[in-house]
Amino acid sequence: MADDNVSVAHSYNEACELLRSGFVKHVRLDWNVGSDEFFRIASDWCDAGAKIKRRDNGFVISVKGFPVPRQH
């Protein structure tokens, strides 16, 4: 995945907005993600088929076509 194909989120809410938009397939989590936020992201998105990978001292979440996960 090339860096120009990766959108950047600066918060959990921004990451969710980008992923729900349907236009973004890769989002770099560009904030100090705490363990609670990380597990919340994993629960909300990975259960629905997204993948989270560690990359360049951070995380990138990637989605394919799937229904929008439940939001709390």
PDB file of N, CA and C in Angstrom:
ATOM      1  N   MET A   1       0.843  -1.165   0.000  1.00  0.00           N
ATOM      2  CA  MET A   1       0.000   0.000   0.000  1.00  0.00           C
ATOM      3  C   MET A   1       0.888   1.228   0.000  1.00  0.00           C
ATOM      4  N   ALA A   2       0.657   2.117  -0.910  1.00  0.00           N
ATOM      5  CA  ALA A   2       1.439   3.341  -0.999  1.00  0.00           C
ATOM      6  C   ALA A   2       0.917   4.362   0.000  1.00  0.00           C
ATOM      7  N   ASP A   3       1.803   5.227   0.488  1.00  0.00           N
ATOM      8  CA  ASP A   3       1.412   6.219   1.480  1.00  0.00           C
ATOM      9  C   ASP A   3       0.335   7.166   0.968  1.00  0.00           C
ATOM     10  N   ASP A   4       0.297   7.432  -0.344  1.00  0.00           N
ATOM     11  CA  ASP A   4      -0.713   8.352  -0.863  1.00  0.00           C
ATOM     12  C   ASP A   4      -2.111   7.731  -0.849  1.00  0.00           C
ATOM     13  N   ASN A   5      -2.213   6.438  -0.598  1.00  0.00           N
ATOM     14  CA  ASN A   5      -3.505   5.765  -0.490  1.00  0.00           C
ATOM     15  C   ASN A   5      -3.985   5.684   0.955  1.00  0.00           C
ATOM     16  N   VAL A   6      -3.240   6.273   1.889  1.00  0.00           N
ATOM     17  CA  VAL A   6      -3.552   6.181   3.304  1.00  0.00           C
ATOM     18  C   VAL A   6      -4.026   7.537   3.801  1.00  0.00           C
ATOM     19  N   SER A   7      -5.232   7.581   4.361  1.00  0.00           N
ATOM     20  CA  SER A   7      -5.730   8.800   5.002  1.00  0.00           C
ATOM     21  C   SER A   7      -5.246   8.803   6.442  1.00  0.00           C
ATOM     22  N   VAL A   8      -5.218   9.977   7.049  1.00  0.00           N
ATOM     23  CA  VAL A   8      -4.702  10.123   8.408  1.00  0.00           C
ATOM     24  C   VAL A   8      -5.824  10.586   9.321  1.00  0.00           C
ATOM     25  N   ALA A   9      -5.973   9.899  10.455  1.00  0.00           N
ATOM     26  CA  ALA A   9      -6.943  10.298  11.476  1.00  0.00           C
ATOM     27  C   ALA A   9      -6.189  10.724  12.720  1.00  0.00           C
ATOM     28  N   HIS A  10      -6.700  11.764  13.366  1.00  0.00           N
ATOM     29  CA  HIS A  10      -6.059  12.291  14.564  1.00  0.00           C
ATOM     30  C   HIS A  10      -6.852  11.983  15.829  1.00  0.00           C
ATOM     31  N   SER A  11      -7.942  11.209  15.678  1.00  0.00           N
ATOM     32  CA  SER A  11      -8.748  10.793  16.826  1.00  0.00           C
ATOM     33  C   SER A  11      -9.562   9.568  16.446  1.00  0.00           C
ATOM     34  N   TYR A  12     -10.092   8.893  17.454  1.00  0.00           N
ATOM     35  CA  TYR A  12     -10.950   7.726  17.213  1.00  0.00           C
ATOM     36  C   TYR A  12     -12.150   8.119  16.357  1.00  0.00           C
ATOM     37  N   ASN A  13     -12.812   9.219  16.696  1.00  0.00           N
ATOM     38  CA  ASN A  13     -13.998   9.641  15.948  1.00  0.00           C
ATOM     39  C   ASN A  13     -13.671   9.962  14.495  1.00  0.00           C
ATOM     40  N   GLU A  14     -12.549  10.608  14.265  1.00  0.00           N
ATOM     41  CA  GLU A  14     -12.141  10.928  12.894  1.00  0.00           C
ATOM     42  C   GLU A  14     -11.851   9.654  12.110  1.00  0.00           C
ATOM     43  N   ALA A  15     -11.205   8.681  12.746  1.00  0.00           N
ATOM     44  CA  ALA A  15     -10.935   7.404  12.082  1.00  0.00           C
ATOM     45  C   ALA A  15     -12.240   6.728  11.681  1.00  0.00           C
ATOM     46  N   CYS A  16     -13.203   6.711  12.584  1.00  0.00           N
ATOM     47  CA  CYS A  16     -14.500   6.079  12.278  1.00  0.00           C
ATOM     48  C   CYS A  16     -15.216   6.803  11.143  1.00  0.00           C
ATOM     49  N   GLU A  17     -15.183   8.136  11.151  1.00  0.00           N
ATOM     50  CA  GLU A  17     -15.816   8.902  10.077  1.00  0.00           C
ATOM     51  C   GLU A  17     -15.189   8.568   8.731  1.00  0.00           C
ATOM     52  N   LEU A  18     -13.861   8.523   8.686  1.00  0.00           N
ATOM     53  CA  LEU A  18     -13.175   8.193   7.432  1.00  0.00           C
ATOM     54  C   LEU A  18     -13.530   6.789   6.962  1.00  0.00           C
ATOM     55  N   LEU A  19     -13.511   5.826   7.871  1.00  0.00           N
ATOM     56  CA  LEU A  19     -13.798   4.444   7.499  1.00  0.00           C
ATOM     57  C   LEU A  19     -15.249   4.262   7.064  1.00  0.00           C
ATOM     58  N   ARG A  20     -16.175   4.932   7.733  1.00  0.00           N
ATOM     59  CA  ARG A  20     -17.600   4.823   7.383  1.00  0.00           C
ATOM     60  C   ARG A  20     -17.923   5.512   6.069  1.00  0.00           C
ATOM     61  N   SER A  21     -17.083   6.442   5.642  1.00  0.00           N
ATOM     62  CA  SER A  21     -17.375   7.227   4.437  1.00  0.00           C
ATOM     63  C   SER A  21     -17.517   6.349   3.195  1.00  0.00           C
ATOM     64  N   GLY A  22     -16.823   5.219   3.179  1.00  0.00           N
ATOM     65  CA  GLY A  22     -16.855   4.365   2.002  1.00  0.00           C
ATOM     66  C   GLY A  22     -15.836   4.763   0.945  1.00  0.00           C
ATOM     67  N   PHE A  23     -15.198   5.912   1.106  1.00  0.00           N
ATOM     68  CA  PHE A  23     -14.215   6.386   0.137  1.00  0.00           C
ATOM     69  C   PHE A  23     -12.793   6.045   0.536  1.00  0.00           C
ATOM     70  N   VAL A  24     -12.601   5.698   1.794  1.00  0.00           N
ATOM     71  CA  VAL A  24     -11.268   5.469   2.343  1.00  0.00           C
ATOM     72  C   VAL A  24     -11.115   3.993   2.682  1.00  0.00           C
ATOM     73  N   LYS A  25     -10.023   3.401   2.255  1.00  0.00           N
ATOM     74  CA  LYS A  25      -9.767   1.988   2.529  1.00  0.00           C
ATOM     75  C   LYS A  25      -8.654   1.773   3.547  1.00  0.00           C
ATOM     76  N   HIS A  26      -7.794   2.780   3.754  1.00  0.00           N
ATOM     77  CA  HIS A  26      -6.672   2.669   4.696  1.00  0.00           C
ATOM     78  C   HIS A  26      -6.596   3.957   5.514  1.00  0.00           C
ATOM     79  N   VAL A  27      -6.552   3.810   6.831  1.00  0.00           N
ATOM     80  CA  VAL A  27      -6.472   4.978   7.720  1.00  0.00           C
ATOM     81  C   VAL A  27      -5.329   4.765   8.702  1.00  0.00           C
ATOM     82  N   ARG A  28      -4.399   5.741   8.724  1.00  0.00           N
ATOM     83  CA  ARG A  28      -3.315   5.713   9.705  1.00  0.00           C
ATOM     84  C   ARG A  28      -3.801   6.407  10.965  1.00  0.00           C
ATOM     85  N   LEU A  29      -3.650   5.731  12.099  1.00  0.00           N
ATOM     86  CA  LEU A  29      -4.053   6.278  13.390  1.00  0.00           C
ATOM     87  C   LEU A  29      -2.902   7.145  13.891  1.00  0.00           C
ATOM     88  N   ASP A  30      -3.040   8.455  13.731  1.00  0.00           N
ATOM     89  CA  ASP A  30      -1.953   9.391  13.987  1.00  0.00           C
ATOM     90  C   ASP A  30      -2.155  10.144  15.302  1.00  0.00           C
ATOM     91  N   TRP A  31      -2.293   9.380  16.378  1.00  0.00           N
ATOM     92  CA  TRP A  31      -2.333   9.937  17.722  1.00  0.00           C
ATOM     93  C   TRP A  31      -1.826   8.860  18.653  1.00  0.00           C
ATOM     94  N   ASN A  32      -1.575   9.213  19.879  1.00  0.00           N
ATOM     95  CA  ASN A  32      -1.077   8.246  20.854  1.00  0.00           C
ATOM     96  C   ASN A  32      -2.246   7.361  21.277  1.00  0.00           C
ATOM     97  N   VAL A  33      -2.445   6.264  20.552  1.00  0.00           N
ATOM     98  CA  VAL A  33      -3.584   5.370  20.774  1.00  0.00           C
ATOM     99  C   VAL A  33      -3.367   4.604  22.079  1.00  0.00           C
ATOM    100  N   GLY A  34      -4.263   4.813  23.019  1.00  0.00           N
ATOM    101  CA  GLY A  34      -4.195   4.085  24.280  1.00  0.00           C
ATOM    102  C   GLY A  34      -4.759   2.683  24.121  1.00  0.00           C
ATOM    103  N   SER A  35      -4.522   1.849  25.102  1.00  0.00           N
ATOM    104  CA  SER A  35      -4.981   0.459  25.003  1.00  0.00           C
ATOM    105  C   SER A  35      -6.501   0.376  24.922  1.00  0.00           C
ATOM    106  N   ASP A  36      -7.221   1.212  25.668  1.00  0.00           N
ATOM    107  CA  ASP A  36      -8.688   1.178  25.608  1.00  0.00           C
ATOM    108  C   ASP A  36      -9.188   1.537  24.214  1.00  0.00           C
ATOM    109  N   GLU A  37      -8.610   2.584  23.610  1.00  0.00           N
ATOM    110  CA  GLU A  37      -9.010   2.966  22.251  1.00  0.00           C
ATOM    111  C   GLU A  37      -8.654   1.885  21.246  1.00  0.00           C
ATOM    112  N   PHE A  38      -7.472   1.294  21.402  1.00  0.00           N
ATOM    113  CA  PHE A  38      -7.065   0.254  20.464  1.00  0.00           C
ATOM    114  C   PHE A  38      -8.052  -0.911  20.493  1.00  0.00           C
ATOM    115  N   PHE A  39      -8.424  -1.353  21.687  1.00  0.00           N
ATOM    116  CA  PHE A  39      -9.355  -2.480  21.779  1.00  0.00           C
ATOM    117  C   PHE A  39     -10.756  -2.094  21.331  1.00  0.00           C
ATOM    118  N   ARG A  40     -11.119  -0.836  21.503  1.00  0.00           N
ATOM    119  CA  ARG A  40     -12.419  -0.376  20.996  1.00  0.00           C
ATOM    120  C   ARG A  40     -12.431  -0.410  19.471  1.00  0.00           C
ATOM    121  N   ILE A  41     -11.356   0.072  18.856  1.00  0.00           N
ATOM    122  CA  ILE A  41     -11.243   0.019  17.393  1.00  0.00           C
ATOM    123  C   ILE A  41     -11.280  -1.424  16.910  1.00  0.00           C
ATOM    124  N   ALA A  42     -10.510  -2.281  17.576  1.00  0.00           N
ATOM    125  CA  ALA A  42     -10.482  -3.695  17.184  1.00  0.00           C
ATOM    126  C   ALA A  42     -11.870  -4.305  17.302  1.00  0.00           C
ATOM    127  N   SER A  43     -12.571  -4.006  18.373  1.00  0.00           N
ATOM    128  CA  SER A  43     -13.907  -4.557  18.570  1.00  0.00           C
ATOM    129  C   SER A  43     -14.880  -4.044  17.518  1.00  0.00           C
ATOM    130  N   ASP A  44     -14.866  -2.738  17.277  1.00  0.00           N
ATOM    131  CA  ASP A  44     -15.826  -2.144  16.339  1.00  0.00           C
ATOM    132  C   ASP A  44     -15.538  -2.494  14.886  1.00  0.00           C
ATOM    133  N   TRP A  45     -14.264  -2.561  14.508  1.00  0.00           N
ATOM    134  CA  TRP A  45     -13.934  -2.701  13.092  1.00  0.00           C
ATOM    135  C   TRP A  45     -13.425  -4.081  12.698  1.00  0.00           C
ATOM    136  N   CYS A  46     -12.575  -4.692  13.490  1.00  0.00           N
ATOM    137  CA  CYS A  46     -12.014  -5.986  13.101  1.00  0.00           C
ATOM    138  C   CYS A  46     -13.062  -7.090  13.135  1.00  0.00           C
ATOM    139  N   ASP A  47     -14.010  -6.995  14.047  1.00  0.00           N
ATOM    140  CA  ASP A  47     -15.098  -7.970  14.075  1.00  0.00           C
ATOM    141  C   ASP A  47     -15.904  -7.931  12.784  1.00  0.00           C
ATOM    142  N   ALA A  48     -15.858  -6.783  12.085  1.00  0.00           N
ATOM    143  CA  ALA A  48     -16.581  -6.620  10.826  1.00  0.00           C
ATOM    144  C   ALA A  48     -15.696  -6.885   9.610  1.00  0.00           C
ATOM    145  N   GLY A  49     -14.433  -7.297   9.832  1.00  0.00           N
ATOM    146  CA  GLY A  49     -13.582  -7.684   8.711  1.00  0.00           C
ATOM    147  C   GLY A  49     -12.400  -6.783   8.419  1.00  0.00           C
ATOM    148  N   ALA A  50     -12.225  -5.701   9.163  1.00  0.00           N
ATOM    149  CA  ALA A  50     -11.070  -4.824   8.944  1.00  0.00           C
ATOM    150  C   ALA A  50      -9.811  -5.467   9.514  1.00  0.00           C
ATOM    151  N   LYS A  51      -8.677  -4.987   9.075  1.00  0.00           N
ATOM    152  CA  LYS A  51      -7.376  -5.472   9.561  1.00  0.00           C
ATOM    153  C   LYS A  51      -6.594  -4.293  10.112  1.00  0.00           C
ATOM    154  N   ILE A  52      -5.907  -4.496  11.232  1.00  0.00           N
ATOM    155  CA  ILE A  52      -5.034  -3.479  11.800  1.00  0.00           C
ATOM    156  C   ILE A  52      -3.612  -4.006  11.754  1.00  0.00           C
ATOM    157  N   LYS A  53      -2.717  -3.194  11.171  1.00  0.00           N
ATOM    158  CA  LYS A  53      -1.307  -3.578  11.091  1.00  0.00           C
ATOM    159  C   LYS A  53      -0.456  -2.488  11.707  1.00  0.00           C
ATOM    160  N   ARG A  54       0.613  -2.908  12.349  1.00  0.00           N
ATOM    161  CA  ARG A  54       1.591  -1.969  12.903  1.00  0.00           C
ATOM    162  C   ARG A  54       2.486  -1.524  11.758  1.00  0.00           C
ATOM    163  N   ARG A  55       2.676  -0.219  11.623  1.00  0.00           N
ATOM    164  CA  ARG A  55       3.478   0.299  10.518  1.00  0.00           C
ATOM    165  C   ARG A  55       4.078   1.641  10.902  1.00  0.00           C
ATOM    166  N   ASP A  56       5.371   1.779  10.762  1.00  0.00           N
ATOM    167  CA  ASP A  56       6.077   3.044  11.023  1.00  0.00           C
ATOM    168  C   ASP A  56       5.735   3.613  12.396  1.00  0.00           C
ATOM    169  N   ASN A  57       5.926   2.828  13.437  1.00  0.00           N
ATOM    170  CA  ASN A  57       5.659   3.256  14.815  1.00  0.00           C
ATOM    171  C   ASN A  57       4.215   3.680  15.045  1.00  0.00           C
ATOM    172  N   GLY A  58       3.298   3.144  14.280  1.00  0.00           N
ATOM    173  CA  GLY A  58       1.880   3.448  14.444  1.00  0.00           C
ATOM    174  C   GLY A  58       1.041   2.308  13.922  1.00  0.00           C
ATOM    175  N   PHE A  59      -0.229   2.585  13.687  1.00  0.00           N
ATOM    176  CA  PHE A  59      -1.141   1.566  13.211  1.00  0.00           C
ATOM    177  C   PHE A  59      -1.885   2.066  11.983  1.00  0.00           C
ATOM    178  N   VAL A  60      -2.153   1.132  11.052  1.00  0.00           N
ATOM    179  CA  VAL A  60      -2.975   1.413   9.879  1.00  0.00           C
ATOM    180  C   VAL A  60      -4.108   0.407   9.887  1.00  0.00           C
ATOM    181  N   ILE A  61      -5.336   0.910   9.801  1.00  0.00           N
ATOM    182  CA  ILE A  61      -6.498   0.034   9.714  1.00  0.00           C
ATOM    183  C   ILE A  61      -6.967   0.026   8.272  1.00  0.00           C
ATOM    184  N   SER A  62      -7.198  -1.171   7.739  1.00  0.00           N
ATOM    185  CA  SER A  62      -7.595  -1.341   6.345  1.00  0.00           C
ATOM    186  C   SER A  62      -8.934  -2.042   6.284  1.00  0.00           C
ATOM    187  N   VAL A  63      -9.798  -1.553   5.396  1.00  0.00           N
ATOM    188  CA  VAL A  63     -11.130  -2.137   5.238  1.00  0.00           C
ATOM    189  C   VAL A  63     -11.331  -2.584   3.804  1.00  0.00           C
ATOM    190  N   LYS A  64     -12.213  -3.519   3.662  1.00  0.00           N
ATOM    191  CA  LYS A  64     -12.691  -3.931   2.343  1.00  0.00           C
ATOM    192  C   LYS A  64     -14.192  -3.670   2.363  1.00  0.00           C
ATOM    193  N   GLY A  65     -14.892  -4.039   1.337  1.00  0.00           N
ATOM    194  CA  GLY A  65     -16.332  -3.814   1.315  1.00  0.00           C
ATOM    195  C   GLY A  65     -17.033  -4.673   2.352  1.00  0.00           C
ATOM    196  N   PHE A  66     -17.627  -4.037   3.332  1.00  0.00           N
ATOM    197  CA  PHE A  66     -18.416  -4.745   4.348  1.00  0.00           C
ATOM    198  C   PHE A  66     -19.379  -3.761   4.979  1.00  0.00           C
ATOM    199  N   PRO A  67     -20.413  -4.255   5.647  1.00  0.00           N
ATOM    200  CA  PRO A  67     -21.366  -3.354   6.299  1.00  0.00           C
ATOM    201  C   PRO A  67     -20.713  -2.536   7.391  1.00  0.00           C
ATOM    202  N   VAL A  68     -21.256  -1.373   7.648  1.00  0.00           N
ATOM    203  CA  VAL A  68     -20.747  -0.511   8.704  1.00  0.00           C
ATOM    204  C   VAL A  68     -20.986  -1.190  10.047  1.00  0.00           C
ATOM    205  N   PRO A  69     -19.965  -1.243  10.889  1.00  0.00           N
ATOM    206  CA  PRO A  69     -20.123  -1.907  12.197  1.00  0.00           C
ATOM    207  C   PRO A  69     -21.012  -1.088  13.123  1.00  0.00           C
ATOM    208  N   ARG A  70     -21.498  -1.729  14.159  1.00  0.00           N
ATOM    209  CA  ARG A  70     -22.329  -1.045  15.142  1.00  0.00           C
ATOM    210  C   ARG A  70     -21.519   0.062  15.795  1.00  0.00           C
ATOM    211  N   GLN A  71     -22.168   1.145  16.112  1.00  0.00           N
ATOM    212  CA  GLN A  71     -21.517   2.259  16.785  1.00  0.00           C
ATOM    213  C   GLN A  71     -22.218   2.490  18.109  1.00  0.00           C
ATOM    214  N   HIS A  72     -21.452   2.772  19.128  1.00  0.00           N
ATOM    215  CA  HIS A  72     -22.007   2.938  20.473  1.00  0.00           C
ATOM    216  C   HIS A  72     -22.462   4.354  20.682  1.00  0.00           C
TER     217      HIS A  72
END
